[in-house]
C-alpha atoms as a PDB file:
ATOM      1  CA  ALA A   1      15.947 -24.642 -36.333  1.00  0.00           C
ATOM      2  CA  GLU A   2      15.521 -21.101 -37.195  1.00  0.00           C
ATOM      3  CA  LEU A   3      12.590 -18.495 -35.986  1.00  0.00           C
ATOM      4  CA  ALA A   4      12.066 -15.576 -38.269  1.00  0.00           C
ATOM      5  CA  GLY A   5       9.530 -13.393 -38.393  1.00  0.00           C
ATOM      6  CA  GLY A   6       7.206 -15.755 -37.107  1.00  0.00           C
ATOM      7  CA  ILE A   7       7.982 -18.507 -39.760  1.00  0.00           C
ATOM      8  CA  LEU A   8       9.790 -21.746 -37.865  1.00  0.00           C
ATOM      9  CA  THR A   9      12.024 -23.341 -40.533  1.00  0.00           C
ATOM     10  CA  VAL A  10      13.456 -26.694 -39.524  1.00  0.00           C
ATOM     11  CA  SER A  11      16.542 -27.676 -41.384  1.00  0.00           C
ATOM     12  CA  LEU A  12      17.585 -31.319 -41.006  1.00  0.00           C
ATOM     13  CA  GLU A  13      20.893 -33.365 -41.558  1.00  0.00           C
ATOM     14  CA  SER A  14      19.282 -34.749 -44.695  1.00  0.00           C
ATOM     15  CA  GLY A  15      18.998 -31.170 -46.427  1.00  0.00           C
ATOM     16  CA  ARG A  16      15.068 -31.608 -46.436  1.00  0.00           C
ATOM     17  CA  GLN A  17      13.114 -28.492 -44.176  1.00  0.00           C
ATOM     18  CA  MET A  18       9.839 -27.876 -42.756  1.00  0.00           C
ATOM     19  CA  VAL A  19       8.596 -24.818 -41.955  1.00  0.00           C
ATOM     20  CA  ILE A  20       5.922 -24.010 -39.937  1.00  0.00           C
ATOM     21  CA  ASN A  21       4.373 -20.413 -40.132  1.00  0.00           C
ATOM     22  CA  LYS A  22       0.761 -18.498 -38.560  1.00  0.00           C
ATOM     23  CA  HIS A  23      -1.659 -17.588 -41.086  1.00  0.00           C
ATOM     24  CA  ALA A  24      -3.726 -14.464 -39.498  1.00  0.00           C
ATOM     25  CA  PRO A  25      -6.091 -14.564 -41.621  1.00  0.00           C
ATOM     26  CA  SER A  26      -7.820 -18.060 -41.262  1.00  0.00           C
ATOM     27  CA  ARG A  27      -6.646 -17.553 -37.526  1.00  0.00           C
ATOM     28  CA  GLN A  28      -4.445 -21.297 -38.369  1.00  0.00           C
ATOM     29  CA  LEU A  29      -1.325 -22.743 -38.479  1.00  0.00           C
ATOM     30  CA  TRP A  30       0.689 -23.569 -41.729  1.00  0.00           C
ATOM     31  CA  LEU A  31       2.724 -27.047 -42.181  1.00  0.00           C
ATOM     32  CA  ALA A  32       5.371 -27.040 -45.384  1.00  0.00           C
ATOM     33  CA  SER A  33       7.257 -30.275 -46.018  1.00  0.00           C
ATOM     34  CA  LEU A  34       8.184 -32.281 -48.743  1.00  0.00           C
ATOM     35  CA  LYS A  35       6.764 -35.231 -46.897  1.00  0.00           C
ATOM     36  CA  SER A  36       3.441 -34.271 -45.869  1.00  0.00           C
ATOM     37  CA  GLY A  37       3.363 -31.310 -48.562  1.00  0.00           C
ATOM     38  CA  GLY A  38       1.246 -27.853 -47.330  1.00  0.00           C
ATOM     39  CA  LEU A  39      -1.251 -28.617 -44.548  1.00  0.00           C
ATOM     40  CA  HIS A  40      -3.454 -26.277 -42.000  1.00  0.00           C
ATOM     41  CA  PHE A  41      -3.824 -26.765 -38.604  1.00  0.00           C
ATOM     42  CA  SER A  42      -6.615 -25.096 -36.728  1.00  0.00           C
ATOM     43  CA  TRP A  43      -6.914 -24.350 -32.714  1.00  0.00           C
ATOM     44  CA  ASP A  44     -10.224 -26.756 -31.222  1.00  0.00           C
ATOM     45  CA  GLY A  45      -9.827 -24.976 -28.123  1.00  0.00           C
ATOM     46  CA  GLN A  46      -7.223 -27.892 -26.838  1.00  0.00           C
ATOM     47  CA  ALA A  47      -4.938 -29.041 -29.661  1.00  0.00           C
ATOM     48  CA  TRP A  48      -3.382 -27.684 -33.377  1.00  0.00           C
ATOM     49  CA  ARG A  49      -5.576 -30.161 -35.396  1.00  0.00           C
ATOM     50  CA  ILE A  50      -5.845 -30.693 -39.420  1.00  0.00           C
ATOM     51  CA  VAL A  51      -9.656 -32.455 -40.382  1.00  0.00           C
ATOM     52  CA  ASP A  52      -8.401 -35.967 -40.232  1.00  0.00           C
ATOM     53  CA  GLY A  53      -8.133 -35.594 -36.888  1.00  0.00           C
ATOM     54  CA  ARG A  54      -4.679 -35.232 -36.190  1.00  0.00           C
ATOM     55  CA  ILE A  55      -2.654 -32.462 -34.179  1.00  0.00           C
ATOM     56  CA  LEU A  56       0.539 -30.793 -35.052  1.00  0.00           C
ATOM     57  CA  GLU A  57       2.750 -32.477 -32.665  1.00  0.00           C
ATOM     58  CA  GLU A  58       1.500 -35.964 -33.980  1.00  0.00           C
ATOM     59  CA  VAL A  59       2.698 -34.955 -37.981  1.00  0.00           C
ATOM     60  CA  VAL A  60       5.629 -32.789 -36.296  1.00  0.00           C
ATOM     61  CA  GLN A  61       7.113 -35.947 -34.779  1.00  0.00           C
ATOM     62  CA  ALA A  62       6.310 -38.013 -37.829  1.00  0.00           C
ATOM     63  CA  GLU A  63       8.198 -36.031 -39.900  1.00  0.00           C
ATOM     64  CA  LEU A  64      11.064 -35.738 -38.082  1.00  0.00           C
END
């Protein structure tokens, strides 16, 4: 994993990458990966969550 300029890049042994970065104008965290595509997470007061209710940790765990 590498963190540079507010962007976290996780490189997997398979060669796939997952990128998580903050998007200040929208106040969101964005995740990009080959498996999930692009997802935008908003803080709900308890967790970073997407519209379907999944939280960032669940999505990252499923990716890995």
